[in-house]
């Protein structure tokens, strides 16, 4: 009878014990990117609920929801009897988080900058919180490979396209300046944020839109569904921009555009594909 090497048997036993202890936790994930990473790690059996921004993968939509991450209530979170709460820095209010801590719920904040390395750090932090370090390393290696396979279009190297992310389309449009996830996404894609002189999310005047001269407009699919494409092109000041003249509009899933998570390489590839015919 063949005998398996001792080290192989030991690893199998340790893996089994790790799974037993990990899955014993009752975890609530707050923030779409955090929840996406939990599923990526194969640790979703530990989840008992998530927040309403957790829309990917599809299975996450079937999970009980405890509200929106910025407006949590202690009662809503405690109703699912969590042992561990994974949150983003945007989660709150602070008073509610303190109430949860006072009841004995462990809270871990997943916090990293909106950079390529920051994506890897988010995965690592979630993996560590869930005792899934091996799965975390494998996920990071896979994401790194996806980034390595990307190539900035040759035409962009001469003059990168100027992209404008519009978050809200009604009235004065709310756009994404420096220090936002769309801004980081554009830079990773090799493009320029057309409003890189402003910080954060700001309402833009018609004069500012005209001055920005975006080559393409980027929106979320959810926002586009609500407002319709015409709402973009009819914005005051938009008609005279290169984007409007060429009708260049890119719509991304909200989590892809705003989350800067594991699927960021796919988001970059999609932007490249949508603008493959663009040339300065």
Protein backbone atom coordinates (compact mmCIF):
# COMPACT_ATOMS: atom_id res chain seq x y z
CA UNK A 1 0.00 0.00 0.00
CA UNK A 2 1.41 3.40 -0.99
CA UNK A 3 2.00 5.87 1.78
CA UNK A 4 1.60 9.62 1.37
CA UNK A 5 4.55 11.76 2.42
CA UNK A 6 4.26 12.95 6.03
CA UNK A 7 4.48 16.62 5.02
CA UNK A 8 1.51 16.16 2.62
CA UNK A 9 -0.63 14.55 5.31
CA UNK A 10 0.35 17.27 7.79
CA UNK A 11 -0.64 20.03 5.36
CA UNK A 12 -3.98 18.34 4.74
CA UNK A 13 -4.71 18.17 8.47
CA UNK A 14 -3.64 21.77 9.06
CA UNK A 15 -5.74 22.93 6.13
CA UNK A 16 -8.76 21.10 7.49
CA UNK A 17 -8.29 22.59 10.95
CA UNK A 18 -7.81 26.08 9.48
CA UNK A 19 -11.07 25.80 7.56
CA UNK A 20 -12.89 24.59 10.68
CA UNK A 21 -11.73 27.50 12.78
CA UNK A 22 -12.19 30.10 10.00
CA UNK A 23 -15.73 29.09 9.10
CA UNK A 24 -16.74 29.20 12.77
CA UNK A 25 -16.68 33.01 12.59
CA UNK A 26 -19.78 35.03 11.74
CA UNK A 27 -18.57 37.85 9.51
CA UNK A 28 -20.33 40.96 8.23
CA UNK A 29 -18.54 42.77 5.38
CA UNK A 30 -19.13 46.48 4.86
CA UNK A 31 -18.05 47.93 1.51
CA UNK A 32 -18.43 46.45 -1.95
CA UNK A 33 -14.72 45.90 -2.52
CA UNK A 34 -14.28 44.23 0.86
CA UNK A 35 -17.14 41.84 0.13
CA UNK A 36 -15.77 41.11 -3.35
CA UNK A 37 -12.42 40.17 -1.82
CA UNK A 38 -14.10 37.86 0.70
CA UNK A 39 -15.70 35.96 -2.18
CA UNK A 40 -12.44 35.99 -4.15
CA UNK A 41 -10.74 34.27 -1.21
CA UNK A 42 -13.44 31.60 -1.12
CA UNK A 43 -14.32 32.70 2.41
CA UNK A 44 -17.96 33.60 1.75
CA UNK A 45 -19.15 30.72 3.98
CA UNK A 46 -18.06 32.90 6.86
CA UNK A 47 -20.35 35.73 5.75
CA UNK A 48 -23.71 36.21 7.42
CA UNK A 49 -24.48 39.64 5.91
CA UNK A 50 -23.08 42.59 3.96
CA UNK A 51 -24.05 46.17 3.16
CA UNK A 52 -26.02 47.47 0.17
CA UNK A 53 -22.88 48.53 -1.74
CA UNK A 54 -21.88 44.85 -1.93
CA UNK A 55 -23.19 44.02 -5.39
CA UNK A 56 -20.51 41.67 -6.73
CA UNK A 57 -20.48 38.76 -7.30
CA UNK A 58 -24.15 37.98 -7.94
CA UNK A 59 -24.22 35.75 -4.86
CA UNK A 60 -23.54 38.83 -2.74
CA UNK A 61 -26.94 40.22 -3.74
CA UNK A 62 -28.61 37.21 -2.12
CA UNK A 63 -26.89 37.92 1.19
CA UNK A 64 -28.85 39.64 4.02
CA UNK A 65 -28.14 43.39 4.04
CA UNK A 66 -27.52 45.54 7.10
CA UNK A 67 -27.91 48.93 5.41
CA UNK A 68 -25.59 51.32 3.61
CA UNK A 69 -22.02 51.55 4.85
CA UNK A 70 -22.15 55.27 5.74
CA UNK A 71 -25.46 55.03 7.61
CA UNK A 72 -25.25 51.81 9.60
CA UNK A 73 -27.39 51.14 12.65
CA UNK A 74 -26.24 49.04 15.59
CA UNK A 75 -29.55 47.19 15.63
CA UNK A 76 -29.29 46.22 11.97
CA UNK A 77 -25.76 44.85 12.31
CA UNK A 78 -26.39 43.08 15.61
CA UNK A 79 -29.51 41.40 14.22
CA UNK A 80 -27.26 38.90 12.40
CA UNK A 81 -25.11 38.22 15.50
CA UNK A 82 -21.68 38.97 14.01
CA UNK A 83 -18.36 38.07 15.60
CA UNK A 84 -16.30 40.09 13.14
CA UNK A 85 -17.10 43.25 11.19
CA UNK A 86 -14.91 44.10 8.18
CA UNK A 87 -15.31 47.76 7.24
CA UNK A 88 -13.82 50.48 5.05
CA UNK A 89 -12.81 53.94 6.35
CA UNK A 90 -16.10 55.22 4.90
CA UNK A 91 -18.19 53.12 7.28
CA UNK A 92 -20.12 54.84 10.00
CA UNK A 93 -21.44 56.72 11.83
CA UNK A 94 -18.61 56.59 14.39
CA UNK A 95 -21.13 56.43 17.23
CA UNK A 96 -22.62 53.23 15.79
CA UNK A 97 -19.20 51.63 15.36
CA UNK A 98 -18.40 52.39 18.98
CA UNK A 99 -21.70 50.85 20.08
CA UNK A 100 -20.81 47.69 18.15
CA UNK A 101 -17.37 47.56 19.75
CA UNK A 102 -18.96 47.94 23.18
CA UNK A 103 -21.03 44.81 22.56
CA UNK A 104 -17.86 42.80 21.86
CA UNK A 105 -17.96 42.74 18.06
CA UNK A 106 -14.44 42.76 16.65
CA UNK A 107 -14.01 45.45 13.99
CA UNK A 108 -11.23 45.40 11.40
CA UNK A 109 -10.80 48.36 9.04
CA UNK A 110 -9.54 47.52 5.55
CA UNK A 111 -7.62 50.65 4.64
CA UNK A 112 -5.12 51.23 1.86
CA UNK A 113 -4.43 53.97 -0.72
CA UNK A 114 -6.03 54.00 -4.15
CA UNK A 115 -2.98 52.58 -5.92
CA UNK A 116 -1.98 49.29 -7.50
CA UNK A 117 -0.13 48.34 -4.34
CA UNK A 118 -3.15 49.45 -2.37
CA UNK A 119 -5.25 46.81 -4.14
CA UNK A 120 -2.80 44.10 -3.10
CA UNK A 121 -2.82 45.46 0.45
CA UNK A 122 -6.62 45.31 0.63
CA UNK A 123 -6.57 41.65 -0.36
CA UNK A 124 -3.81 40.92 2.15
CA UNK A 125 -5.65 42.70 4.98
CA UNK A 126 -8.91 40.83 4.34
CA UNK A 127 -7.06 37.54 4.03
CA UNK A 128 -5.28 38.12 7.34
CA UNK A 129 -8.52 39.05 9.11
CA UNK A 130 -10.16 35.83 7.90
CA UNK A 131 -7.14 33.53 8.41
CA UNK A 132 -6.93 32.99 4.66
CA UNK A 133 -3.32 34.02 4.04
CA UNK A 134 -2.59 31.28 1.48
CA UNK A 135 -5.68 32.14 -0.56
CA UNK A 136 -4.74 35.81 -0.22
CA UNK A 137 -1.27 35.26 -1.67
CA UNK A 138 -2.72 33.28 -4.57
CA UNK A 139 -5.26 36.03 -5.27
CA UNK A 140 -2.58 38.73 -5.19
CA UNK A 141 -0.38 36.74 -7.59
CA UNK A 142 -3.33 36.41 -9.96
CA UNK A 143 -4.12 40.14 -9.84
CA UNK A 144 -0.45 41.00 -10.40
CA UNK A 145 -0.38 38.77 -13.46
CA UNK A 146 -3.50 40.49 -14.82
CA UNK A 147 -1.79 43.87 -14.38
CA UNK A 148 1.38 42.59 -16.08
CA UNK A 149 -0.64 41.52 -19.12
CA UNK A 150 -1.98 45.04 -19.67
CA UNK A 151 -0.40 47.31 -22.25
CA UNK A 152 -1.04 51.02 -22.70
CA UNK A 153 -2.14 51.65 -26.33
CA UNK A 154 0.64 53.06 -28.47
CA UNK A 155 -1.45 56.06 -29.52
CA UNK A 156 -1.88 57.01 -25.85
CA UNK A 157 1.86 57.36 -25.37
CA UNK A 158 1.89 60.36 -27.72
CA UNK A 159 -1.00 62.06 -25.95
CA UNK A 160 -3.08 60.24 -23.33
CA UNK A 161 -6.85 60.75 -23.62
CA UNK A 162 -8.48 63.13 -21.16
CA UNK A 163 -11.24 61.30 -19.28
CA UNK A 164 -13.99 62.83 -17.16
CA UNK A 165 -15.84 60.73 -14.60
CA UNK A 166 -19.36 62.01 -13.96
CA UNK A 167 -20.93 60.62 -10.79
CA UNK A 168 -24.18 62.60 -10.80
CA UNK A 169 -25.73 63.90 -13.98
CA UNK A 170 -28.60 66.09 -12.80
CA UNK A 171 -28.16 69.85 -12.45
CA UNK A 172 -24.50 70.73 -11.97
CA UNK A 173 -22.73 67.42 -12.64
CA UNK A 174 -20.68 65.90 -9.83
CA UNK A 175 -17.29 64.83 -11.16
CA UNK A 176 -14.24 63.04 -9.74
CA UNK A 177 -11.06 65.02 -9.22
CA UNK A 178 -7.76 64.10 -7.56
CA UNK A 179 -7.78 61.71 -4.64
CA UNK A 180 -10.72 59.65 -5.93
CA UNK A 181 -10.91 56.06 -7.15
CA UNK A 182 -11.76 57.08 -10.75
CA UNK A 183 -8.73 59.38 -10.78
CA UNK A 184 -6.51 56.47 -9.71
CA UNK A 185 -8.16 54.21 -12.29
CA UNK A 186 -7.48 56.69 -15.10
CA UNK A 187 -3.81 56.98 -14.15
CA UNK A 188 -3.41 53.20 -13.98
CA UNK A 189 -4.97 52.99 -17.46
CA UNK A 190 -2.48 55.53 -18.83
CA UNK A 191 -5.08 58.28 -19.25
CA UNK A 192 -5.40 61.80 -17.78
CA UNK A 193 -8.12 63.00 -15.46
CA UNK A 194 -9.61 65.97 -17.29
CA UNK A 195 -10.33 67.69 -13.96
CA UNK A 196 -7.09 66.94 -12.14
CA UNK A 197 -6.96 70.50 -10.82
CA UNK A 198 -9.76 69.82 -8.32
CA UNK A 199 -9.75 67.58 -5.28
CA UNK A 200 -12.37 64.99 -4.45
CA UNK A 201 -15.87 65.08 -5.88
CA UNK A 202 -17.08 68.52 -6.92
CA UNK A 203 -19.94 70.03 -8.90
CA UNK A 204 -18.69 71.39 -12.21
CA UNK A 205 -19.91 74.57 -13.91
CA UNK A 206 -20.56 74.67 -17.69
CA UNK A 207 -17.44 76.82 -18.06
CA UNK A 208 -15.34 74.27 -16.21
CA UNK A 209 -16.66 71.43 -18.37
CA UNK A 210 -15.74 73.36 -21.50
CA UNK A 211 -12.32 74.15 -20.09
CA UNK A 212 -11.71 70.49 -19.15
CA UNK A 213 -12.10 69.39 -22.79
CA UNK A 214 -12.58 65.67 -22.06
CA UNK A 215 -12.00 63.22 -24.89
CA UNK A 216 -14.42 60.73 -23.31
CA UNK A 217 -16.94 60.62 -20.49
CA UNK A 218 -16.94 57.78 -17.95
CA UNK A 219 -20.04 56.97 -15.88
CA UNK A 220 -21.40 54.07 -13.87
CA UNK A 221 -23.83 51.70 -15.55
CA UNK A 222 -26.26 52.25 -12.70
CA UNK A 223 -26.15 56.03 -13.13
CA UNK A 224 -26.55 55.77 -16.88
CA UNK A 225 -29.57 53.48 -16.48
CA UNK A 226 -31.24 55.98 -14.16
CA UNK A 227 -30.51 59.15 -16.14
CA UNK A 228 -30.07 58.01 -19.75
CA UNK A 229 -27.29 58.89 -22.19
CA UNK A 230 -28.98 62.09 -23.32
CA UNK A 231 -28.60 63.48 -19.82
CA UNK A 232 -24.83 63.48 -20.37
CA UNK A 233 -24.74 65.14 -23.75
CA UNK A 234 -27.33 67.77 -22.77
CA UNK A 235 -25.29 69.04 -19.82
CA UNK A 236 -24.52 72.77 -20.26
CA UNK A 237 -21.04 73.18 -21.70
CA UNK A 238 -20.76 69.55 -22.80
CA UNK A 239 -21.71 69.97 -26.47
CA UNK A 240 -18.44 71.72 -27.37
CA UNK A 241 -16.17 69.05 -25.87
CA UNK A 242 -14.32 66.41 -27.94
CA UNK A 243 -16.22 63.72 -26.00
CA UNK A 244 -19.62 65.04 -27.04
CA UNK A 245 -18.62 65.64 -30.65
CA UNK A 246 -17.44 62.02 -30.95
CA UNK A 247 -20.15 60.65 -28.60
CA UNK A 248 -17.48 58.82 -26.57
CA UNK A 249 -19.17 57.42 -23.48
CA UNK A 250 -17.84 54.59 -21.31
CA UNK A 251 -20.04 53.00 -18.66
CA UNK A 252 -18.57 50.81 -15.93
CA UNK A 253 -20.20 48.83 -13.17
CA UNK A 254 -20.24 51.08 -10.09
CA UNK A 255 -17.97 48.79 -8.11
CA UNK A 256 -15.45 48.66 -10.97
CA UNK A 257 -15.42 52.44 -11.29
CA UNK A 258 -15.49 53.35 -7.61
CA UNK A 259 -14.06 50.35 -5.78
CA UNK A 260 -10.51 49.96 -7.10
CA UNK A 261 -10.44 46.29 -6.20
CA UNK A 262 -9.39 42.92 -7.62
CA UNK A 263 -11.07 43.50 -11.00
CA UNK A 264 -9.29 46.79 -11.69
CA UNK A 265 -7.16 45.21 -14.48
CA UNK A 266 -10.41 44.19 -16.23
CA UNK A 267 -11.73 47.74 -15.84
CA UNK A 268 -8.54 49.12 -17.40
CA UNK A 269 -8.73 46.64 -20.26
CA UNK A 270 -12.35 47.63 -20.89
CA UNK A 271 -11.41 51.33 -21.04
CA UNK A 272 -8.64 50.51 -23.52
CA UNK A 273 -11.05 48.53 -25.68
CA UNK A 274 -13.70 51.23 -25.63
CA UNK A 275 -11.17 53.82 -26.79
CA UNK A 276 -9.15 51.66 -29.16
CA UNK A 277 -10.12 53.90 -32.10
CA UNK A 278 -9.13 57.08 -30.27
CA UNK A 279 -6.09 58.92 -31.55
CA UNK A 280 -4.78 62.39 -30.68
